[in-house]
Amino acid sequence: MIKSGDPVEQTKRLKYMNLVANAVMLQNVVDLTGVLNAVAGEGYPVTKELVGRLSPYIRDHIRRFGQYVLDMDEMPEPLGLEALKLGL
Protein backbone atom coordinates (compact mmCIF):
# COMPACT_ATOMS: atom_id res chain seq x y z
CA MET A 1 0.00 0.00 0.00
CA ILE A 2 1.34 3.40 -0.94
CA LYS A 3 0.31 5.82 1.80
CA SER A 4 1.84 9.01 0.43
CA GLY A 5 0.07 11.20 -2.10
CA ASP A 6 3.42 12.59 -3.27
CA PRO A 7 4.09 11.32 -6.83
CA VAL A 8 7.85 11.23 -6.21
CA GLU A 9 7.41 9.03 -3.13
CA GLN A 10 4.96 6.80 -5.00
CA THR A 11 7.47 6.32 -7.82
CA LYS A 12 10.21 5.47 -5.32
CA ARG A 13 8.02 2.88 -3.59
CA LEU A 14 7.12 1.21 -6.89
CA LYS A 15 10.78 1.10 -7.92
CA TYR A 16 11.76 -0.43 -4.57
CA MET A 17 9.06 -3.11 -4.91
CA ASN A 18 10.33 -3.91 -8.41
CA LEU A 19 13.89 -4.09 -7.08
CA VAL A 20 12.83 -6.63 -4.44
CA ALA A 21 10.93 -8.69 -7.03
CA ASN A 22 13.93 -8.66 -9.39
CA ALA A 23 16.32 -9.67 -6.59
CA VAL A 24 14.05 -12.59 -5.68
CA MET A 25 13.89 -13.68 -9.32
CA LEU A 26 17.70 -13.48 -9.67
CA GLN A 27 18.15 -15.67 -6.59
CA ASN A 28 15.55 -18.10 -7.97
CA VAL A 29 17.50 -18.35 -11.25
CA VAL A 30 20.69 -19.10 -9.31
CA ASP A 31 18.90 -21.71 -7.17
CA LEU A 32 17.14 -23.34 -10.15
CA THR A 33 20.40 -23.52 -12.11
CA GLY A 34 22.15 -25.22 -9.20
CA VAL A 35 19.35 -27.75 -8.76
CA LEU A 36 19.14 -28.50 -12.48
CA ASN A 37 22.92 -28.99 -12.69
CA ALA A 38 22.76 -31.34 -9.67
CA VAL A 39 19.93 -33.30 -11.30
CA ALA A 40 21.88 -33.50 -14.57
CA GLY A 41 24.94 -34.63 -12.58
CA GLU A 42 22.89 -37.54 -11.23
CA GLY A 43 22.25 -38.67 -14.79
CA TYR A 44 18.75 -37.34 -15.37
CA PRO A 45 18.21 -35.57 -18.70
CA VAL A 46 17.74 -31.80 -18.50
CA THR A 47 16.31 -30.57 -21.79
CA LYS A 48 15.35 -27.20 -23.23
CA GLU A 49 11.70 -28.24 -23.01
CA LEU A 50 12.02 -29.01 -19.28
CA VAL A 51 13.80 -25.73 -18.52
CA GLY A 52 11.32 -23.84 -20.71
CA ARG A 53 8.49 -24.87 -18.38
CA LEU A 54 10.17 -23.34 -15.32
CA SER A 55 9.80 -19.75 -14.20
CA PRO A 56 12.05 -17.70 -11.90
CA TYR A 57 8.97 -15.74 -10.82
CA ILE A 58 7.93 -18.12 -8.07
CA ARG A 59 5.33 -16.41 -5.90
CA ASP A 60 4.60 -19.06 -3.29
CA HIS A 61 5.88 -18.25 0.20
CA ILE A 62 7.31 -14.88 -0.88
CA ARG A 63 6.23 -11.70 0.85
CA ARG A 64 6.80 -9.42 -2.13
CA PHE A 65 5.03 -6.51 -0.47
CA GLY A 66 5.93 -7.51 3.08
CA GLN A 67 8.52 -6.26 5.49
CA TYR A 68 12.10 -7.46 5.12
CA VAL A 69 14.74 -7.26 7.82
CA LEU A 70 18.22 -6.84 6.40
CA ASP A 71 21.46 -7.39 8.28
CA MET A 72 23.79 -5.03 6.44
CA ASP A 73 26.81 -6.38 8.37
CA GLU A 74 26.36 -9.92 7.04
CA MET A 75 27.98 -10.53 3.65
CA PRO A 76 26.01 -12.78 1.29
CA GLU A 77 27.65 -15.81 -0.29
CA PRO A 78 28.92 -15.30 -3.84
CA LEU A 79 26.32 -16.22 -6.47
CA GLY A 80 28.56 -18.95 -7.90
CA LEU A 81 27.29 -18.45 -11.42
CA GLU A 82 27.68 -21.47 -13.62
CA ALA A 83 26.22 -22.29 -17.00
CA LEU A 84 23.39 -24.80 -17.21
CA LYS A 85 24.46 -27.82 -19.22
CA LEU A 86 21.52 -28.88 -21.35
CA GLY A 87 21.23 -32.39 -22.74
CA LEU A 88 19.89 -32.04 -26.26
PDB file of N, CA and C in Angstrom:
ATOM      1  N   MET A   1       0.848  -1.169   0.000  1.00  0.00           N
ATOM      2  CA  MET A   1       0.000   0.000   0.000  1.00  0.00           C
ATOM      3  C   MET A   1       0.894   1.233   0.000  1.00  0.00           C
ATOM      4  N   ILE A   2       0.580   2.157  -0.867  1.00  0.00           N
ATOM      5  CA  ILE A   2       1.337   3.404  -0.936  1.00  0.00           C
ATOM      6  C   ILE A   2       0.526   4.460  -0.198  1.00  0.00           C
ATOM      7  N   LYS A   3       1.056   4.910   0.929  1.00  0.00           N
ATOM      8  CA  LYS A   3       0.312   5.816   1.804  1.00  0.00           C
ATOM      9  C   LYS A   3       0.472   7.280   1.416  1.00  0.00           C
ATOM     10  N   SER A   4       1.565   7.613   0.756  1.00  0.00           N
ATOM     11  CA  SER A   4       1.837   9.011   0.433  1.00  0.00           C
ATOM     12  C   SER A   4       1.122   9.418  -0.851  1.00  0.00           C
ATOM     13  N   GLY A   5       0.675  10.657  -0.894  1.00  0.00           N
ATOM     14  CA  GLY A   5       0.070  11.196  -2.102  1.00  0.00           C
ATOM     15  C   GLY A   5       1.098  11.879  -2.996  1.00  0.00           C
ATOM     16  N   ASP A   6       2.345  11.947  -2.519  1.00  0.00           N
ATOM     17  CA  ASP A   6       3.418  12.588  -3.272  1.00  0.00           C
ATOM     18  C   ASP A   6       3.837  11.684  -4.436  1.00  0.00           C
ATOM     19  N   PRO A   7       3.741  12.166  -5.685  1.00  0.00           N
ATOM     20  CA  PRO A   7       4.085  11.322  -6.826  1.00  0.00           C
ATOM     21  C   PRO A   7       5.540  10.843  -6.814  1.00  0.00           C
ATOM     22  N   VAL A   8       6.437  11.640  -6.281  1.00  0.00           N
ATOM     23  CA  VAL A   8       7.850  11.229  -6.214  1.00  0.00           C
ATOM     24  C   VAL A   8       8.001  10.049  -5.251  1.00  0.00           C
ATOM     25  N   GLU A   9       7.349  10.130  -4.100  1.00  0.00           N
ATOM     26  CA  GLU A   9       7.409   9.032  -3.134  1.00  0.00           C
ATOM     27  C   GLU A   9       6.735   7.781  -3.678  1.00  0.00           C
ATOM     28  N   GLN A  10       5.639   7.953  -4.399  1.00  0.00           N
ATOM     29  CA  GLN A  10       4.959   6.804  -4.998  1.00  0.00           C
ATOM     30  C   GLN A  10       5.862   6.112  -6.013  1.00  0.00           C
ATOM     31  N   THR A  11       6.547   6.886  -6.824  1.00  0.00           N
ATOM     32  CA  THR A  11       7.465   6.320  -7.818  1.00  0.00           C
ATOM     33  C   THR A  11       8.599   5.568  -7.137  1.00  0.00           C
ATOM     34  N   LYS A  12       9.140   6.152  -6.054  1.00  0.00           N
ATOM     35  CA  LYS A  12      10.210   5.466  -5.324  1.00  0.00           C
ATOM     36  C   LYS A  12       9.730   4.134  -4.762  1.00  0.00           C
ATOM     37  N   ARG A  13       8.555   4.114  -4.166  1.00  0.00           N
ATOM     38  CA  ARG A  13       8.016   2.877  -3.589  1.00  0.00           C
ATOM     39  C   ARG A  13       7.853   1.805  -4.657  1.00  0.00           C
ATOM     40  N   LEU A  14       7.296   2.181  -5.809  1.00  0.00           N
ATOM     41  CA  LEU A  14       7.116   1.211  -6.887  1.00  0.00           C
ATOM     42  C   LEU A  14       8.460   0.676  -7.380  1.00  0.00           C
ATOM     43  N   LYS A  15       9.451   1.543  -7.486  1.00  0.00           N
ATOM     44  CA  LYS A  15      10.779   1.095  -7.920  1.00  0.00           C
ATOM     45  C   LYS A  15      11.400   0.167  -6.891  1.00  0.00           C
ATOM     46  N   TYR A  16      11.226   0.442  -5.609  1.00  0.00           N
ATOM     47  CA  TYR A  16      11.761  -0.432  -4.567  1.00  0.00           C
ATOM     48  C   TYR A  16      11.088  -1.801  -4.599  1.00  0.00           C
ATOM     49  N   MET A  17       9.763  -1.822  -4.826  1.00  0.00           N
ATOM     50  CA  MET A  17       9.057  -3.107  -4.908  1.00  0.00           C
ATOM     51  C   MET A  17       9.548  -3.907  -6.112  1.00  0.00           C
ATOM     52  N   ASN A  18       9.794  -3.228  -7.236  1.00  0.00           N
ATOM     53  CA  ASN A  18      10.331  -3.911  -8.407  1.00  0.00           C
ATOM     54  C   ASN A  18      11.741  -4.419  -8.151  1.00  0.00           C
ATOM     55  N   LEU A  19      12.527  -3.662  -7.409  1.00  0.00           N
ATOM     56  CA  LEU A  19      13.888  -4.089  -7.078  1.00  0.00           C
ATOM     57  C   LEU A  19      13.855  -5.366  -6.241  1.00  0.00           C
ATOM     58  N   VAL A  20      12.963  -5.426  -5.265  1.00  0.00           N
ATOM     59  CA  VAL A  20      12.826  -6.634  -4.438  1.00  0.00           C
ATOM     60  C   VAL A  20      12.399  -7.815  -5.297  1.00  0.00           C
ATOM     61  N   ALA A  21      11.412  -7.605  -6.163  1.00  0.00           N
ATOM     62  CA  ALA A  21      10.934  -8.686  -7.027  1.00  0.00           C
ATOM     63  C   ALA A  21      12.053  -9.177  -7.946  1.00  0.00           C
ATOM     64  N   ASN A  22      12.833  -8.273  -8.504  1.00  0.00           N
ATOM     65  CA  ASN A  22      13.933  -8.664  -9.387  1.00  0.00           C
ATOM     66  C   ASN A  22      15.033  -9.395  -8.635  1.00  0.00           C
ATOM     67  N   ALA A  23      15.314  -8.977  -7.399  1.00  0.00           N
ATOM     68  CA  ALA A  23      16.322  -9.667  -6.593  1.00  0.00           C
ATOM     69  C   ALA A  23      15.870 -11.089  -6.267  1.00  0.00           C
ATOM     70  N   VAL A  24      14.590 -11.258  -5.967  1.00  0.00           N
ATOM     71  CA  VAL A  24      14.051 -12.589  -5.684  1.00  0.00           C
ATOM     72  C   VAL A  24      14.149 -13.468  -6.928  1.00  0.00           C
ATOM     73  N   MET A  25      13.810 -12.903  -8.083  1.00  0.00           N
ATOM     74  CA  MET A  25      13.887 -13.685  -9.320  1.00  0.00           C
ATOM     75  C   MET A  25      15.328 -14.068  -9.645  1.00  0.00           C
ATOM     76  N   LEU A  26      16.285 -13.159  -9.416  1.00  0.00           N
ATOM     77  CA  LEU A  26      17.695 -13.483  -9.668  1.00  0.00           C
ATOM     78  C   LEU A  26      18.134 -14.633  -8.773  1.00  0.00           C
ATOM     79  N   GLN A  27      17.783 -14.582  -7.494  1.00  0.00           N
ATOM     80  CA  GLN A  27      18.148 -15.670  -6.589  1.00  0.00           C
ATOM     81  C   GLN A  27      17.482 -16.968  -7.014  1.00  0.00           C
ATOM     82  N   ASN A  28      16.231 -16.898  -7.491  1.00  0.00           N
ATOM     83  CA  ASN A  28      15.549 -18.100  -7.972  1.00  0.00           C
ATOM     84  C   ASN A  28      16.259 -18.701  -9.183  1.00  0.00           C
ATOM     85  N   VAL A  29      16.754 -17.858 -10.083  1.00  0.00           N
ATOM     86  CA  VAL A  29      17.501 -18.351 -11.247  1.00  0.00           C
ATOM     87  C   VAL A  29      18.763 -19.070 -10.787  1.00  0.00           C
ATOM     88  N   VAL A  30      19.472 -18.478  -9.839  1.00  0.00           N
ATOM     89  CA  VAL A  30      20.687 -19.104  -9.313  1.00  0.00           C
ATOM     90  C   VAL A  30      20.354 -20.446  -8.670  1.00  0.00           C
ATOM     91  N   ASP A  31      19.308 -20.475  -7.848  1.00  0.00           N
ATOM     92  CA  ASP A  31      18.903 -21.712  -7.172  1.00  0.00           C
ATOM     93  C   ASP A  31      18.447 -22.774  -8.168  1.00  0.00           C
ATOM     94  N   LEU A  32      17.623 -22.384  -9.143  1.00  0.00           N
ATOM     95  CA  LEU A  32      17.143 -23.338 -10.149  1.00  0.00           C
ATOM     96  C   LEU A  32      18.294 -23.903 -10.974  1.00  0.00           C
ATOM     97  N   THR A  33      19.250 -23.058 -11.342  1.00  0.00           N
ATOM     98  CA  THR A  33      20.403 -23.524 -12.113  1.00  0.00           C
ATOM     99  C   THR A  33      21.206 -24.534 -11.324  1.00  0.00           C
ATOM    100  N   GLY A  34      21.409 -24.271 -10.042  1.00  0.00           N
ATOM    101  CA  GLY A  34      22.146 -25.217  -9.198  1.00  0.00           C
ATOM    102  C   GLY A  34      21.441 -26.556  -9.083  1.00  0.00           C
ATOM    103  N   VAL A  35      20.134 -26.513  -8.882  1.00  0.00           N
ATOM    104  CA  VAL A  35      19.354 -27.748  -8.757  1.00  0.00           C
ATOM    105  C   VAL A  35      19.357 -28.518 -10.071  1.00  0.00           C
ATOM    106  N   LEU A  36      19.159 -27.819 -11.183  1.00  0.00           N
ATOM    107  CA  LEU A  36      19.145 -28.496 -12.481  1.00  0.00           C
ATOM    108  C   LEU A  36      20.504 -29.108 -12.808  1.00  0.00           C
ATOM    109  N   ASN A  37      21.584 -28.420 -12.469  1.00  0.00           N
ATOM    110  CA  ASN A  37      22.918 -28.990 -12.687  1.00  0.00           C
ATOM    111  C   ASN A  37      23.143 -30.212 -11.798  1.00  0.00           C
ATOM    112  N   ALA A  38      22.628 -30.175 -10.566  1.00  0.00           N
ATOM    113  CA  ALA A  38      22.758 -31.338  -9.675  1.00  0.00           C
ATOM    114  C   ALA A  38      21.963 -32.517 -10.219  1.00  0.00           C
ATOM    115  N   VAL A  39      20.756 -32.248 -10.720  1.00  0.00           N
ATOM    116  CA  VAL A  39      19.929 -33.304 -11.303  1.00  0.00           C
ATOM    117  C   VAL A  39      20.617 -33.895 -12.534  1.00  0.00           C
ATOM    118  N   ALA A  40      21.166 -33.025 -13.381  1.00  0.00           N
ATOM    119  CA  ALA A  40      21.881 -33.495 -14.567  1.00  0.00           C
ATOM    120  C   ALA A  40      23.113 -34.300 -14.159  1.00  0.00           C
ATOM    121  N   GLY A  41      23.775 -33.897 -13.076  1.00  0.00           N
ATOM    122  CA  GLY A  41      24.943 -34.631 -12.580  1.00  0.00           C
ATOM    123  C   GLY A  41      24.596 -36.015 -12.077  1.00  0.00           C
ATOM    124  N   GLU A  42      23.344 -36.221 -11.678  1.00  0.00           N
ATOM    125  CA  GLU A  42      22.886 -37.539 -11.235  1.00  0.00           C
ATOM    126  C   GLU A  42      22.447 -38.416 -12.400  1.00  0.00           C
ATOM    127  N   GLY A  43      22.554 -37.870 -13.616  1.00  0.00           N
ATOM    128  CA  GLY A  43      22.249 -38.669 -14.789  1.00  0.00           C
ATOM    129  C   GLY A  43      20.874 -38.475 -15.388  1.00  0.00           C
ATOM    130  N   TYR A  44      20.073 -37.605 -14.807  1.00  0.00           N
ATOM    131  CA  TYR A  44      18.750 -37.337 -15.368  1.00  0.00           C
ATOM    132  C   TYR A  44      18.876 -36.333 -16.518  1.00  0.00           C
ATOM    133  N   PRO A  45      18.106 -36.511 -17.581  1.00  0.00           N
ATOM    134  CA  PRO A  45      18.212 -35.569 -18.698  1.00  0.00           C
ATOM    135  C   PRO A  45      17.556 -34.223 -18.362  1.00  0.00           C
ATOM    136  N   VAL A  46      18.260 -33.152 -18.653  1.00  0.00           N
ATOM    137  CA  VAL A  46      17.736 -31.800 -18.496  1.00  0.00           C
ATOM    138  C   VAL A  46      17.681 -31.203 -19.895  1.00  0.00           C
ATOM    139  N   THR A  47      16.482 -31.028 -20.422  1.00  0.00           N
ATOM    140  CA  THR A  47      16.310 -30.572 -21.791  1.00  0.00           C
ATOM    141  C   THR A  47      15.803 -29.135 -21.846  1.00  0.00           C
ATOM    142  N   LYS A  48      15.865 -28.552 -23.046  1.00  0.00           N
ATOM    143  CA  LYS A  48      15.345 -27.198 -23.234  1.00  0.00           C
ATOM    144  C   LYS A  48      13.852 -27.147 -22.921  1.00  0.00           C
ATOM    145  N   GLU A  49      13.135 -28.207 -23.263  1.00  0.00           N
ATOM    146  CA  GLU A  49      11.699 -28.243 -23.006  1.00  0.00           C
ATOM    147  C   GLU A  49      11.407 -28.210 -21.503  1.00  0.00           C
ATOM    148  N   LEU A  50      12.187 -28.979 -20.737  1.00  0.00           N
ATOM    149  CA  LEU A  50      12.019 -29.007 -19.283  1.00  0.00           C
ATOM    150  C   LEU A  50      12.298 -27.626 -18.691  1.00  0.00           C
ATOM    151  N   VAL A  51      13.411 -27.038 -19.060  1.00  0.00           N
ATOM    152  CA  VAL A  51      13.798 -25.732 -18.521  1.00  0.00           C
ATOM    153  C   VAL A  51      12.798 -24.661 -18.975  1.00  0.00           C
ATOM    154  N   GLY A  52      12.277 -24.810 -20.192  1.00  0.00           N
ATOM    155  CA  GLY A  52      11.317 -23.843 -20.714  1.00  0.00           C
ATOM    156  C   GLY A  52      10.008 -23.799 -19.945  1.00  0.00           C
ATOM    157  N   ARG A  53       9.720 -24.836 -19.170  1.00  0.00           N
ATOM    158  CA  ARG A  53       8.486 -24.866 -18.379  1.00  0.00           C
ATOM    159  C   ARG A  53       8.673 -24.266 -16.984  1.00  0.00           C
ATOM    160  N   LEU A  54       9.883 -23.925 -16.636  1.00  0.00           N
ATOM    161  CA  LEU A  54      10.166 -23.343 -15.324  1.00  0.00           C
ATOM    162  C   LEU A  54      10.086 -21.822 -15.395  1.00  0.00           C
ATOM    163  N   SER A  55       9.850 -21.201 -14.266  1.00  0.00           N
ATOM    164  CA  SER A  55       9.801 -19.748 -14.200  1.00  0.00           C
ATOM    165  C   SER A  55      10.541 -19.277 -12.946  1.00  0.00           C
ATOM    166  N   PRO A  56      11.378 -18.244 -13.087  1.00  0.00           N
ATOM    167  CA  PRO A  56      12.050 -17.701 -11.902  1.00  0.00           C
ATOM    168  C   PRO A  56      11.122 -16.839 -11.050  1.00  0.00           C
ATOM    169  N   TYR A  57       9.907 -16.576 -11.566  1.00  0.00           N
ATOM    170  CA  TYR A  57       8.971 -15.742 -10.818  1.00  0.00           C
ATOM    171  C   TYR A  57       8.059 -16.619  -9.983  1.00  0.00           C
ATOM    172  N   ILE A  58       8.660 -17.254  -8.994  1.00  0.00           N
ATOM    173  CA  ILE A  58       7.930 -18.116  -8.074  1.00  0.00           C
ATOM    174  C   ILE A  58       7.319 -17.215  -7.003  1.00  0.00           C
ATOM    175  N   ARG A  59       6.001 -17.318  -6.826  1.00  0.00           N
ATOM    176  CA  ARG A  59       5.328 -16.410  -5.895  1.00  0.00           C
ATOM    177  C   ARG A  59       4.912 -17.071  -4.595  1.00  0.00           C
ATOM    178  N   ASP A  60       4.996 -18.380  -4.518  1.00  0.00           N
ATOM    179  CA  ASP A  60       4.596 -19.058  -3.292  1.00  0.00           C
ATOM    180  C   ASP A  60       5.585 -18.758  -2.171  1.00  0.00           C
ATOM    181  N   HIS A  61       5.072 -18.453  -1.011  1.00  0.00           N
ATOM    182  CA  HIS A  61       5.876 -18.246   0.196  1.00  0.00           C
ATOM    183  C   HIS A  61       6.810 -17.047   0.093  1.00  0.00           C
ATOM    184  N   ILE A  62       6.491 -16.083  -0.763  1.00  0.00           N
ATOM    185  CA  ILE A  62       7.313 -14.879  -0.881  1.00  0.00           C
ATOM    186  C   ILE A  62       6.456 -13.690  -0.497  1.00  0.00           C
ATOM    187  N   ARG A  63       6.960 -12.895   0.408  1.00  0.00           N
ATOM    188  CA  ARG A  63       6.233 -11.699   0.847  1.00  0.00           C
ATOM    189  C   ARG A  63       6.733 -10.513   0.034  1.00  0.00           C
ATOM    190  N   ARG A  64       6.312 -10.460  -1.235  1.00  0.00           N
ATOM    191  CA  ARG A  64       6.803  -9.416  -2.126  1.00  0.00           C
ATOM    192  C   ARG A  64       6.521  -8.026  -1.573  1.00  0.00           C
ATOM    193  N   PHE A  65       5.380  -7.824  -0.981  1.00  0.00           N
ATOM    194  CA  PHE A  65       5.025  -6.510  -0.474  1.00  0.00           C
ATOM    195  C   PHE A  65       5.143  -6.445   1.048  1.00  0.00           C
ATOM    196  N   GLY A  66       5.801  -7.451   1.627  1.00  0.00           N
ATOM    197  CA  GLY A  66       5.932  -7.513   3.076  1.00  0.00           C
ATOM    198  C   GLY A  66       7.134  -6.748   3.582  1.00  0.00           C
ATOM    199  N   GLN A  67       7.404  -6.941   4.848  1.00  0.00           N
ATOM    200  CA  GLN A  67       8.515  -6.265   5.494  1.00  0.00           C
ATOM    201  C   GLN A  67       9.722  -7.194   5.515  1.00  0.00           C
ATOM    202  N   TYR A  68      10.875  -6.676   5.142  1.00  0.00           N
ATOM    203  CA  TYR A  68      12.105  -7.457   5.119  1.00  0.00           C
ATOM    204  C   TYR A  68      13.089  -6.854   6.106  1.00  0.00           C
ATOM    205  N   VAL A  69      13.720  -7.700   6.881  1.00  0.00           N
ATOM    206  CA  VAL A  69      14.735  -7.256   7.819  1.00  0.00           C
ATOM    207  C   VAL A  69      16.086  -7.619   7.225  1.00  0.00           C
ATOM    208  N   LEU A  70      16.921  -6.631   7.015  1.00  0.00           N
ATOM    209  CA  LEU A  70      18.223  -6.844   6.396  1.00  0.00           C
ATOM    210  C   LEU A  70      19.328  -6.623   7.409  1.00  0.00           C
ATOM    211  N   ASP A  71      20.267  -7.548   7.456  1.00  0.00           N
ATOM    212  CA  ASP A  71      21.460  -7.391   8.280  1.00  0.00           C
ATOM    213  C   ASP A  71      22.570  -6.906   7.358  1.00  0.00           C
ATOM    214  N   MET A  72      22.831  -5.616   7.364  1.00  0.00           N
ATOM    215  CA  MET A  72      23.791  -5.032   6.437  1.00  0.00           C
ATOM    216  C   MET A  72      25.230  -5.370   6.807  1.00  0.00           C
ATOM    217  N   ASP A  73      25.458  -5.969   7.983  1.00  0.00           N
ATOM    218  CA  ASP A  73      26.808  -6.377   8.370  1.00  0.00           C
ATOM    219  C   ASP A  73      27.146  -7.774   7.878  1.00  0.00           C
ATOM    220  N   GLU A  74      26.129  -8.552   7.499  1.00  0.00           N
ATOM    221  CA  GLU A  74      26.358  -9.919   7.035  1.00  0.00           C
ATOM    222  C   GLU A  74      26.558  -9.914   5.525  1.00  0.00           C
ATOM    223  N   MET A  75      27.679 -10.470   5.084  1.00  0.00           N
ATOM    224  CA  MET A  75      27.975 -10.531   3.652  1.00  0.00           C
ATOM    225  C   MET A  75      27.318 -11.767   3.051  1.00  0.00           C
ATOM    226  N   PRO A  76      26.622 -11.614   1.932  1.00  0.00           N
ATOM    227  CA  PRO A  76      26.014 -12.783   1.294  1.00  0.00           C
ATOM    228  C   PRO A  76      27.076 -13.646   0.623  1.00  0.00           C
ATOM    229  N   GLU A  77      26.735 -14.915   0.414  1.00  0.00           N
ATOM    230  CA  GLU A  77      27.650 -15.808  -0.292  1.00  0.00           C
ATOM    231  C   GLU A  77      27.718 -15.369  -1.751  1.00  0.00           C
ATOM    232  N   PRO A  78      28.850 -15.610  -2.418  1.00  0.00           N
ATOM    233  CA  PRO A  78      28.915 -15.303  -3.844  1.00  0.00           C
ATOM    234  C   PRO A  78      27.868 -16.105  -4.600  1.00  0.00           C
ATOM    235  N   LEU A  79      27.368 -15.555  -5.713  1.00  0.00           N
ATOM    236  CA  LEU A  79      26.323 -16.219  -6.467  1.00  0.00           C
ATOM    237  C   LEU A  79      26.796 -17.546  -7.061  1.00  0.00           C
ATOM    238  N   GLY A  80      28.068 -17.698  -7.346  1.00  0.00           N
ATOM    239  CA  GLY A  80      28.556 -18.955  -7.896  1.00  0.00           C
ATOM    240  C   GLY A  80      27.914 -19.254  -9.233  1.00  0.00           C
ATOM    241  N   LEU A  81      27.944 -18.290 -10.113  1.00  0.00           N
ATOM    242  CA  LEU A  81      27.294 -18.446 -11.415  1.00  0.00           C
ATOM    243  C   LEU A  81      27.984 -19.543 -12.222  1.00  0.00           C
ATOM    244  N   GLU A  82      27.173 -20.428 -12.755  1.00  0.00           N
ATOM    245  CA  GLU A  82      27.679 -21.470 -13.622  1.00  0.00           C
ATOM    246  C   GLU A  82      26.647 -21.722 -14.719  1.00  0.00           C
ATOM    247  N   ALA A  83      27.125 -22.069 -15.871  1.00  0.00           N
ATOM    248  CA  ALA A  83      26.215 -22.287 -16.998  1.00  0.00           C
ATOM    249  C   ALA A  83      25.456 -23.583 -16.804  1.00  0.00           C
ATOM    250  N   LEU A  84      24.213 -23.592 -17.255  1.00  0.00           N
ATOM    251  CA  LEU A  84      23.393 -24.799 -17.208  1.00  0.00           C
ATOM    252  C   LEU A  84      23.742 -25.651 -18.412  1.00  0.00           C
ATOM    253  N   LYS A  85      24.077 -26.905 -18.152  1.00  0.00           N
ATOM    254  CA  LYS A  85      24.457 -27.819 -19.222  1.00  0.00           C
ATOM    255  C   LYS A  85      23.223 -28.593 -19.665  1.00  0.00           C
ATOM    256  N   LEU A  86      22.729 -28.253 -20.837  1.00  0.00           N
ATOM    257  CA  LEU A  86      21.516 -28.883 -21.348  1.00  0.00           C
ATOM    258  C   LEU A  86      21.853 -30.133 -22.155  1.00  0.00           C
ATOM    259  N   GLY A  87      21.109 -31.199 -21.920  1.00  0.00           N
ATOM    260  CA  GLY A  87      21.228 -32.394 -22.740  1.00  0.00           C
ATOM    261  C   GLY A  87      20.255 -32.278 -23.899  1.00  0.00           C
ATOM    262  N   LEU A  88      20.781 -32.246 -25.095  1.00  0.00           N
ATOM    263  CA  LEU A  88      19.892 -32.044 -26.257  1.00  0.00           C
ATOM    264  C   LEU A  88      19.336 -33.315 -26.778  1.00  0.00           C
TER     265      LEU A  88
END
